[in-house]
Protein backbone atom coordinates (compact mmCIF):
# COMPACT_ATOMS: atom_id res chain seq x y z
CA MET A 1 62.77 37.76 37.00
CA ALA A 2 63.44 35.27 34.15
CA SER A 3 66.71 36.94 33.41
CA LEU A 4 67.77 36.58 37.00
CA LEU A 5 66.90 32.93 37.04
CA SER A 6 68.87 32.35 33.86
CA LEU A 7 71.98 33.43 35.66
CA ARG A 8 72.01 30.12 37.51
CA ASP A 9 73.35 28.37 34.43
CA TYR A 10 76.14 30.87 33.93
CA GLY A 11 79.61 30.13 35.15
CA SER A 12 81.38 26.95 36.39
CA GLU A 13 79.61 23.64 36.42
CA SER A 14 81.24 22.40 39.63
CA GLU A 15 78.96 21.32 42.53
CA SER A 16 80.45 23.77 44.97
CA ASP A 17 79.79 26.63 42.62
CA LEU A 18 76.22 25.45 42.12
CA GLU A 19 75.56 25.35 45.88
CA ASP A 20 76.94 28.84 46.33
CA SER A 21 74.86 30.20 43.55
CA GLU A 22 71.72 28.61 45.02
CA GLU A 23 72.31 30.24 48.39
CA LEU A 24 72.79 33.59 46.73
CA VAL A 25 69.46 33.50 44.94
CA GLN A 26 67.51 31.68 47.60
CA HIS A 27 65.71 34.85 48.69
CA LEU A 28 64.69 35.52 45.09
CA LYS A 29 62.70 32.31 44.74
CA PRO A 30 58.89 32.54 44.92
CA ILE A 31 57.21 31.48 48.22
CA GLU A 32 55.38 28.19 48.15
CA SER A 33 51.71 28.43 49.21
CA ALA A 34 51.83 25.25 51.32
CA HIS A 35 54.38 26.67 53.81
CA THR A 36 53.03 30.13 54.56
CA VAL A 37 53.31 31.65 58.04
CA GLY A 38 49.67 32.57 58.11
CA LYS A 39 48.74 28.99 57.54
CA ASP A 40 50.92 27.82 60.42
CA LEU A 41 49.44 30.39 62.84
CA GLN A 42 45.84 30.03 61.71
CA LEU A 43 43.30 29.42 64.52
CA VAL A 44 41.38 26.17 64.49
CA VAL A 45 37.72 27.15 64.82
CA SER A 46 36.36 23.65 64.81
CA PRO A 47 38.17 21.22 67.11
CA GLU A 48 38.91 17.69 66.07
CA LYS A 49 36.33 16.38 68.62
CA GLU A 50 32.84 16.79 67.42
CA LEU A 51 30.60 19.22 69.27
CA ASP A 52 27.47 18.23 71.07
CA ASP A 53 24.70 18.79 68.54
CA ARG A 54 21.91 17.90 70.90
CA ARG A 55 19.20 20.35 71.63
CA HIS A 56 19.49 21.45 75.28
CA ILE A 57 16.37 21.98 77.26
CA ASP A 58 15.96 24.95 79.57
CA PRO A 59 15.17 23.70 83.10
CA SER A 60 12.78 26.57 83.70
CA GLU A 61 10.73 25.67 80.66
CA LYS A 62 7.49 23.92 81.55
CA GLU A 63 6.15 23.09 78.07
CA LEU A 64 7.88 21.34 75.19
CA LYS A 65 6.54 21.79 71.66
CA TYR A 66 8.52 18.91 70.18
CA ASN A 67 9.23 15.35 71.03
CA PRO A 68 12.77 15.27 72.52
CA LYS A 69 15.03 12.25 72.45
CA TYR A 70 16.31 10.38 75.50
CA ASP A 71 19.78 11.89 75.18
CA GLU A 72 18.38 15.39 75.04
CA LEU A 73 16.30 14.90 78.16
CA TYR A 74 19.33 13.80 80.23
CA ALA A 75 21.84 16.15 78.65
CA PRO A 76 23.64 18.70 80.94
CA VAL A 77 21.99 22.05 81.39
CA LEU A 78 24.92 24.21 80.31
CA GLY A 79 28.61 23.61 79.84
CA PRO A 80 30.54 20.43 80.29
CA GLU A 81 29.71 17.57 82.59
CA ALA A 82 30.22 17.96 86.36
CA LEU A 83 33.63 17.01 87.75
CA HIS A 84 33.84 13.93 89.89
CA SER A 85 34.75 15.30 93.42
CA LYS A 86 33.25 15.27 96.92
CA TYR A 87 32.67 18.99 96.72
CA HIS A 88 30.41 18.60 93.77
CA GLU A 89 28.70 15.57 95.22
CA VAL A 90 27.39 17.61 98.20
CA ASP A 91 23.88 18.84 97.88
CA ARG A 92 24.62 22.56 98.14
CA ASN A 93 21.84 24.89 99.14
CA SER A 94 23.98 28.02 99.42
CA LEU A 95 27.02 29.51 97.77
CA ALA A 96 29.27 28.34 100.59
CA GLY A 97 27.93 24.79 100.60
CA HIS A 98 25.23 22.92 102.40
CA VAL A 99 23.63 24.62 105.37
CA GLU A 100 21.71 22.58 107.92
CA THR A 101 19.03 24.00 110.13
CA ALA A 102 19.87 23.79 113.83
CA HIS A 103 18.66 25.35 117.09
CA PHE A 104 21.53 27.46 118.58
CA ASN A 105 21.66 29.99 121.43
CA ASP A 106 22.54 33.52 120.32
CA PHE A 107 24.89 34.06 123.24
CA GLU A 108 26.72 30.78 122.63
CA PHE A 109 27.10 31.60 118.97
CA GLU A 110 28.49 35.08 119.71
CA SER A 111 30.76 33.68 122.42
CA GLN A 112 32.27 31.06 120.09
CA ARG A 113 32.61 33.58 117.28
CA ARG A 114 34.53 36.03 119.48
CA THR A 115 36.61 33.22 120.95
CA PHE A 116 37.62 32.07 117.49
CA THR A 117 38.51 35.65 116.53
CA THR A 118 40.57 36.20 119.70
CA TYR A 119 42.18 32.83 120.50
CA GLY A 120 41.89 31.05 117.14
CA TYR A 121 39.72 28.13 118.20
CA ALA A 122 36.06 27.34 118.84
CA VAL A 123 33.89 24.39 119.82
CA ASP A 124 33.12 22.05 116.95
CA PRO A 125 29.38 22.61 116.24
CA SER A 126 28.89 19.44 114.21
CA ILE A 127 26.74 16.69 115.66
CA SER A 128 27.75 13.18 114.74
CA GLY A 129 26.35 11.22 117.64
CA HIS A 130 29.85 10.77 119.11
CA PRO A 131 30.09 10.95 122.96
CA GLU A 132 32.62 13.79 122.73
CA ASP A 133 30.28 16.09 120.82
CA GLY A 134 30.62 19.58 122.27
CA ARG A 135 34.11 18.84 123.66
CA ARG A 136 36.06 18.87 120.44
CA TYR A 137 37.57 22.05 119.04
CA ILE A 138 38.38 23.36 115.62
CA GLY A 139 41.11 25.81 114.73
CA ASP A 140 44.24 26.24 116.87
CA LEU A 141 44.08 23.06 118.95
CA SER A 142 47.38 23.78 120.77
CA SER A 143 46.05 27.10 122.04
CA ALA A 144 42.80 25.43 123.10
CA LYS A 145 44.74 22.85 125.10
CA LYS A 146 46.94 25.49 126.71
CA THR A 147 44.03 27.66 127.86
CA SER A 148 41.79 24.71 128.73
CA GLY A 149 39.26 25.90 126.14
CA ILE A 150 38.17 29.08 127.92
CA THR A 151 36.09 31.64 126.05
CA VAL A 152 36.51 35.38 125.88
CA PHE A 153 33.95 35.74 128.67
CA GLU A 154 35.97 33.57 131.09
CA THR A 155 39.13 34.69 132.87
CA GLN A 156 40.54 31.38 134.00
CA HIS A 157 39.31 27.85 134.17
CA LYS A 158 38.32 26.76 137.63
CA ALA A 159 40.61 23.78 137.48
CA ASP A 160 43.62 26.08 136.95
CA LEU A 161 42.95 28.34 139.94
CA PRO A 162 45.19 27.78 142.99
CA PRO A 163 43.49 26.21 145.99
CA LYS A 164 42.31 28.59 148.68
CA ARG A 165 44.32 28.84 151.86
CA ARG A 166 42.75 27.34 154.93
CA ARG A 167 42.98 28.72 158.41
CA ASP A 168 44.10 26.69 161.36
CA LYS A 169 40.83 27.24 163.19
CA ASN A 170 39.86 26.43 166.72
CA ASP A 171 36.46 28.00 167.51
CA ASP A 172 35.95 26.10 170.71
CA ALA A 173 35.70 28.88 173.31
CA SER A 174 35.85 26.38 176.14
CA ASP A 175 39.42 25.57 175.19
CA THR A 176 41.11 28.44 176.99
CA GLU A 177 44.59 27.55 175.86
CA GLY A 178 44.01 26.56 172.24
CA PHE A 179 41.15 28.94 171.31
CA LYS A 180 42.13 31.04 168.29
CA GLY A 181 38.89 32.53 167.07
CA PRO A 182 39.08 34.90 164.08
CA TRP A 183 42.80 35.50 164.70
CA ALA A 184 43.85 32.03 163.57
CA LYS A 185 46.74 31.87 161.17
CA PHE A 186 46.71 30.12 157.83
CA GLU A 187 48.05 26.61 157.51
CA ASN A 188 51.82 26.52 156.89
CA GLU A 189 51.97 30.31 157.28
CA LYS A 190 55.42 31.75 157.96
CA THR A 191 55.36 34.79 160.20
CA VAL A 192 59.14 35.30 160.24
CA MET A 193 60.92 35.29 156.93
CA LYS A 194 64.68 35.08 156.60
CA PRO A 195 66.59 35.44 153.35
CA SER A 196 68.37 32.43 151.98
CA GLU A 197 72.14 32.27 151.70
CA GLU A 198 72.08 33.46 148.09
CA GLU A 199 69.66 36.30 148.86
CA GLN A 200 71.73 37.34 151.87
CA HIS A 201 74.85 37.41 149.71
CA ASP A 202 73.10 39.62 147.14
CA LEU A 203 71.84 41.95 149.88
CA ASP A 204 75.32 42.30 151.33
CA GLU A 205 76.69 43.25 147.92
CA ILE A 206 73.98 45.89 147.45
CA LEU A 207 74.65 47.40 150.88
CA ALA A 208 78.38 47.43 150.23
CA LYS A 209 77.84 49.34 146.98
CA ARG A 210 75.60 51.86 148.71
CA GLN A 211 78.15 52.46 151.42
CA LYS A 212 80.83 53.12 148.82
CA ARG A 213 78.64 55.72 147.13
CA ARG A 214 78.03 57.59 150.36
CA LYS A 215 80.54 59.90 151.93
CA GLN A 216 81.59 57.75 154.83
CA ASN A 217 83.92 60.36 156.23
CA ASP A 218 81.08 62.85 156.72
CA ASP A 219 79.60 60.83 159.59
CA LYS A 220 82.89 60.58 161.45
CA PRO A 221 83.80 63.50 163.69
CA ILE A 222 87.20 65.04 163.34
CA GLU A 223 89.67 65.41 166.17
CA GLU A 224 88.76 68.32 168.45
CA LYS A 225 91.45 70.72 169.51
CA SER A 226 91.84 74.26 170.77
CA LEU A 227 94.44 77.01 170.51
CA LEU A 228 95.30 79.40 173.36
CA HIS A 229 96.20 82.86 172.08
CA ILE A 230 97.32 84.50 175.35
CA LYS A 231 100.70 83.89 176.97
CA ASP A 232 99.54 82.65 180.36
CA ALA A 233 96.29 80.79 180.93
CA TYR A 234 96.42 81.61 184.67
CA ASP A 235 97.46 84.74 186.54
CA TYR A 236 99.80 84.92 189.52
CA GLN A 237 96.96 83.83 191.83
CA GLY A 238 96.06 80.78 189.70
CA ARG A 239 92.87 82.32 188.28
CA SER A 240 91.87 81.55 184.68
CA PHE A 241 90.35 83.94 182.19
CA LEU A 242 86.89 82.78 183.37
CA HIS A 243 87.40 84.71 186.58
CA ILE A 244 85.30 87.89 186.64
CA PRO A 245 87.65 90.91 186.53
CA GLN A 246 87.43 93.52 189.28
CA ASP A 247 89.63 96.23 187.76
CA VAL A 248 87.26 97.50 185.09
CA GLY A 249 85.60 100.17 187.22
CA VAL A 250 82.25 98.38 187.36
CA ASN A 251 80.99 95.73 189.74
CA LEU A 252 80.24 92.91 187.31
CA LYS A 253 79.16 90.54 190.09
CA SER A 254 76.20 92.66 191.08
CA PRO A 255 72.86 91.12 190.01
CA ASP A 256 71.16 94.52 190.01
CA PRO A 257 71.15 96.56 186.79
CA PRO A 258 72.90 99.95 186.78
CA GLU A 259 70.96 103.05 187.65
CA LYS A 260 71.53 104.65 184.26
CA CYS A 261 71.77 103.19 180.80
CA PHE A 262 72.32 105.07 177.55
CA MET A 263 71.79 104.26 173.93
CA PRO A 264 75.04 103.57 172.04
CA LYS A 265 76.31 106.49 169.98
CA LYS A 266 79.86 105.49 169.11
CA LEU A 267 81.65 102.34 167.97
CA ILE A 268 84.05 101.30 170.72
CA HIS A 269 85.82 98.26 169.33
CA THR A 270 85.72 95.71 166.48
CA TRP A 271 86.83 92.15 167.07
CA LYS A 272 88.52 90.61 164.05
CA GLY A 273 89.65 87.02 163.68
CA HIS A 274 87.05 85.06 161.76
CA THR A 275 87.60 84.50 158.04
CA LYS A 276 83.89 84.04 157.27
CA GLY A 277 80.55 85.29 158.52
CA VAL A 278 79.66 85.10 162.22
CA ALA A 279 76.47 83.12 162.87
CA ALA A 280 75.91 83.89 166.56
CA ILE A 281 77.47 85.55 169.62
CA ARG A 282 76.80 84.67 173.27
CA TRP A 283 77.63 86.65 176.40
CA PHE A 284 79.29 85.00 179.37
CA PRO A 285 76.55 84.30 182.00
CA LYS A 286 75.88 86.95 184.66
CA SER A 287 79.05 89.04 184.21
CA ALA A 288 79.29 89.30 180.38
CA HIS A 289 83.04 89.93 180.58
CA LEU A 290 83.63 87.36 177.80
CA LEU A 291 82.09 87.00 174.37
CA LEU A 292 81.67 83.68 172.53
CA SER A 293 81.35 83.78 168.74
CA CYS A 294 80.68 80.92 166.28
CA SER A 295 81.43 81.39 162.61
CA MET A 296 80.98 79.87 159.20
CA ASP A 297 84.71 79.13 159.12
CA THR A 298 84.01 76.11 161.43
CA LYS A 299 85.72 77.83 164.38
CA ILE A 300 84.52 79.11 167.76
CA LYS A 301 86.35 81.93 169.49
CA ILE A 302 86.09 83.51 172.92
CA TRP A 303 87.02 87.18 173.35
CA GLU A 304 87.72 89.64 176.14
CA VAL A 305 85.12 92.40 176.45
CA PHE A 306 87.17 94.67 178.71
CA ASN A 307 90.82 95.74 178.95
CA ASN A 308 92.78 94.59 175.86
CA ARG A 309 89.77 92.86 174.21
CA ARG A 310 91.98 90.01 172.98
CA CYS A 311 91.02 86.68 171.43
CA ILE A 312 91.68 84.23 174.25
CA ARG A 313 91.03 80.79 172.76
CA THR A 314 89.90 79.20 169.50
CA TYR A 315 87.94 75.94 169.54
CA MET A 316 88.20 73.74 166.43
CA GLY A 317 86.14 70.55 166.11
CA HIS A 318 83.47 70.99 163.44
CA LYS A 319 83.98 70.06 159.80
CA GLN A 320 81.35 72.51 158.59
CA ALA A 321 80.01 75.88 159.64
CA VAL A 322 78.88 76.38 163.22
CA ARG A 323 75.27 77.55 163.48
CA ASP A 324 74.71 78.24 167.21
CA ALA A 325 76.34 78.11 170.65
CA CYS A 326 75.12 78.36 174.23
CA PHE A 327 76.74 78.67 177.69
CA ASP A 328 75.50 76.83 180.74
CA ASN A 329 74.60 78.80 183.88
CA THR A 330 78.17 78.79 185.20
CA GLY A 331 79.90 79.45 181.90
CA LYS A 332 82.35 76.61 182.45
CA GLN A 333 80.83 74.63 179.58
CA PHE A 334 79.12 75.51 176.33
CA LEU A 335 77.39 73.74 173.48
CA SER A 336 78.04 74.21 169.78
CA ALA A 337 75.79 73.10 166.91
CA GLY A 338 77.25 72.72 163.43
CA TYR A 339 76.14 71.92 159.93
CA ASP A 340 78.06 68.65 160.17
CA ARG A 341 75.06 67.37 162.21
CA PHE A 342 76.98 67.25 165.48
CA ILE A 343 76.28 68.99 168.79
CA LYS A 344 79.42 69.14 170.94
CA LEU A 345 79.93 69.97 174.59
CA TRP A 346 83.14 71.94 175.31
CA ASP A 347 85.09 72.84 178.41
CA THR A 348 85.44 76.61 178.21
CA GLU A 349 88.65 76.83 180.23
CA THR A 350 90.69 73.90 178.89
CA GLY A 351 89.21 73.70 175.37
CA ASP A 352 88.56 69.97 175.60
CA CYS A 353 85.54 68.37 173.92
CA ILE A 354 83.64 66.59 176.68
CA SER A 355 81.05 64.73 174.59
CA ARG A 356 79.42 64.58 171.17
CA PHE A 357 75.74 64.28 170.30
CA PRO A 358 75.11 63.10 166.72
CA SER A 359 71.95 64.36 165.05
CA ARG A 360 70.10 62.94 162.07
CA LYS A 361 69.49 66.44 160.74
CA ILE A 362 71.20 69.82 160.98
CA PRO A 363 70.71 71.49 164.39
CA TYR A 364 69.68 75.12 163.88
CA CYS A 365 69.61 76.19 167.54
CA VAL A 366 70.70 74.78 170.88
CA LYS A 367 69.83 75.91 174.41
CA PHE A 368 70.66 74.72 177.93
CA ASN A 369 67.85 74.35 180.43
CA PRO A 370 68.16 77.56 182.51
CA ASP A 371 67.03 75.78 185.67
CA ASP A 372 69.99 75.12 187.97
CA GLY A 373 68.64 71.68 188.83
CA ASN A 374 68.32 70.63 185.18
CA GLN A 375 71.66 71.68 183.76
CA ASN A 376 72.08 68.18 182.43
CA LEU A 377 69.32 68.81 179.88
CA PHE A 378 69.43 70.83 176.70
CA VAL A 379 67.09 71.23 173.73
CA ALA A 380 68.00 71.56 170.07
CA GLY A 381 65.83 72.63 167.14
CA THR A 382 66.65 70.78 163.91
CA SER A 383 65.94 71.15 160.22
CA ASP A 384 63.52 68.19 160.18
CA LYS A 385 60.81 70.16 162.11
CA LYS A 386 61.67 68.58 165.46
CA ILE A 387 62.86 69.80 168.85
CA VAL A 388 65.01 67.21 170.61
CA CYS A 389 65.77 67.17 174.32
CA TRP A 390 69.09 65.51 175.26
CA ASP A 391 70.49 64.32 178.57
CA ILE A 392 74.21 65.04 178.89
CA ARG A 393 74.80 62.31 181.45
CA SER A 394 73.50 59.43 179.32
CA ALA A 395 73.95 61.05 175.88
CA GLU A 396 70.43 59.92 174.96
CA ILE A 397 67.31 61.65 173.69
CA VAL A 398 64.79 62.20 176.46
CA GLN A 399 61.95 63.83 174.57
CA GLU A 400 60.97 64.86 171.02
CA TYR A 401 58.55 67.59 169.97
CA ASP A 402 57.34 67.26 166.40
CA ARG A 403 54.45 69.71 165.97
CA HIS A 404 56.24 72.24 163.76
CA LEU A 405 55.80 72.17 160.00
CA GLY A 406 59.16 73.74 159.19
CA ALA A 407 62.72 74.07 160.46
CA VAL A 408 63.00 75.29 164.06
CA ASN A 409 64.91 78.57 164.37
CA THR A 410 64.94 79.62 168.05
CA ILE A 411 63.96 78.33 171.50
CA THR A 412 63.16 80.65 174.43
CA PHE A 413 62.39 79.46 177.97
CA ILE A 414 59.54 81.12 179.89
CA ASP A 415 57.31 80.63 182.95
CA GLU A 416 60.16 79.98 185.39
CA ASN A 417 61.78 77.59 182.91
CA ARG A 418 58.83 75.23 182.91
CA ARG A 419 57.90 75.88 179.29
CA PHE A 420 59.56 77.19 176.17
CA VAL A 421 58.47 78.98 173.02
CA SER A 422 59.87 77.92 169.65
CA THR A 423 59.79 79.74 166.31
CA SER A 424 59.87 78.03 162.95
CA ASP A 425 59.83 78.55 159.20
CA ASP A 426 56.13 77.61 159.24
CA LYS A 427 55.31 81.14 160.53
CA SER A 428 54.13 79.89 163.93
CA LEU A 429 55.11 80.02 167.60
CA ARG A 430 54.71 76.84 169.59
CA LEU A 431 54.44 76.56 173.36
CA CYS A 432 55.78 73.28 174.78
CA PHE A 433 56.31 71.76 178.20
CA LEU A 434 59.65 70.30 179.16
CA ALA A 435 60.35 66.58 179.29
CA ASP A 436 59.86 66.32 183.05
CA GLN A 437 56.43 67.98 182.79
CA THR A 438 55.03 65.58 180.17
CA ARG A 439 54.21 62.89 182.69
CA ARG A 440 51.23 64.90 183.91
CA ARG A 441 50.45 66.75 180.67
CA LYS A 442 50.35 66.04 176.98
CA LYS A 443 53.51 66.26 174.96
CA PHE A 444 52.28 69.29 173.09
CA VAL A 445 49.78 71.52 174.89
CA LYS A 446 47.05 73.49 173.19
CA TYR A 447 45.08 74.33 176.33
CA ASP A 448 45.80 76.58 179.32
CA ILE A 449 47.78 78.93 177.08
CA PRO A 450 47.74 82.59 178.14
CA ALA A 451 45.88 85.01 175.87
CA THR A 452 49.09 86.69 174.82
CA PHE A 453 50.32 83.50 173.17
CA LEU A 454 47.03 82.87 171.44
CA GLU A 455 47.15 86.39 170.02
CA ALA A 456 50.72 85.84 168.87
CA LYS A 457 49.68 82.66 167.11
CA LYS A 458 46.85 84.46 165.31
CA ALA A 459 49.17 87.30 164.41
CA CYS A 460 51.62 84.83 162.87
CA LYS A 461 48.90 83.58 160.52
CA LYS A 462 48.33 87.13 159.32
CA MET A 463 52.01 87.68 158.50
CA LYS A 464 51.67 86.91 154.82
CA GLY A 465 54.65 89.02 153.88
CA PHE A 466 57.06 87.12 156.16
CA LEU A 467 58.71 83.88 155.14
CA ALA A 468 59.53 82.69 158.67
CA LEU A 469 59.91 83.73 162.32
CA PRO A 470 63.67 83.91 162.88
CA ILE A 471 63.72 85.00 166.54
CA VAL A 472 61.59 85.57 169.63
CA SER A 473 62.40 87.39 172.89
CA LEU A 474 60.93 87.73 176.34
CA SER A 475 58.88 90.85 177.06
CA LEU A 476 60.98 91.90 180.06
CA PRO A 477 62.60 95.27 180.78
CA LEU A 478 65.27 96.04 178.25
CA LEU A 479 68.00 96.34 180.87
CA GLN A 480 67.58 92.71 181.89
CA LEU A 481 68.12 91.48 178.35
CA MET A 482 71.18 93.62 177.63
CA PRO A 483 74.71 93.22 178.97
CA PRO A 484 75.84 95.68 181.61
CA SER A 485 75.71 99.31 180.59
CA THR A 486 79.44 99.66 180.91
CA MET A 487 79.62 98.27 177.37
CA TRP A 488 78.21 101.48 176.02
CA SER A 489 79.70 104.89 176.18
CA ARG A 490 78.25 108.35 175.88
CA GLN A 491 81.36 109.62 174.17
């Protein structure tokens, strides 16, 4: 070490050289004891302020064996002196502070506690002698003002409830003109309400939008027309195709059935002309020399049964498939019911559409009243479980029968055309009186029904395997229900 220190004197004597040499050997110098790091970081065990050397007395001690000084008697129990604040000035008798004894109802306490938990406010329980004691709140004062200080056990303050309506009473029974009794209206009550101009404008816009969404063209009937397929509509004597022919070898005008009738054994003829399925065929009344067919191709055709068996005329007036058709007693007119919810009356000879009868639902069957005196009436069974009776002269509904629980499929007149039997998808037969009979009887009769109909009704309930009753027929001799026997051949 001494040799290293002697090197300081070696070399140039200039001041710059001396400073450089001192910096080079600065780390080799011994450390001075007065500037050690340990001394700078040493903990001060005894502070500069002198400690309290008084002997402290335990408050729980009841006997002193020495004579304490005045300062020792009034010295703090433990720790420093108490801070000067209002919190420490309060005489605390619990950890949370000072608790005062007071008489309080358990229900009121629980009510205010729940109210504070729910709404954030409660009644101030402090008693200061102020006149508003019990009316002041603590917590969320804005919420207390908004709810009028109600508790969780109250729904609404009485002052906030709307006033009850009063009736315009007049209980004086002697006042024959002004007596109202218990039927009096409320004061300022409006019995007829009309929308304002703005509401009416909004309603008109809504209705206009609904009408645009609907198919408006479906409710409008198309133009009816017919097409004659034969060359001459009248013969040399001026007779139309409705005239009963006399050159077929059989008297078609005779009301008596033929003496012999045979079961069909051979196909005689097939009429072709419809492009889709045929829904129903109807014979011309009494003579059956013509055949009316309605098809799913929206067309109705009338055919010859004898001679050339041609298609005479095609009636076009329905937009959708035709479900049923029916001749009147003379055969000069017939009705057609289509899926376009229209029933139309046609002139058989000219092909003109005489009138239209719109229906709310699809008519499944249509039938003229067979009575000669009531040819202006016809009944129609619809898909909405109703049977509607129309008057052709006024084009209005005369009667409605609504006792079925399903769509009505067929209608058959019985009892000299005074009643009719209807079949429906509800697996039941219903016996109804006509519109002109309902003045003396109920609209739908359950009494005075023959036993055969009661048995049929019970039998319908037992038909669990059937989905509906599609047709019904009169229990008359077979020859009266069939067309003349000349249709069939033994060949």
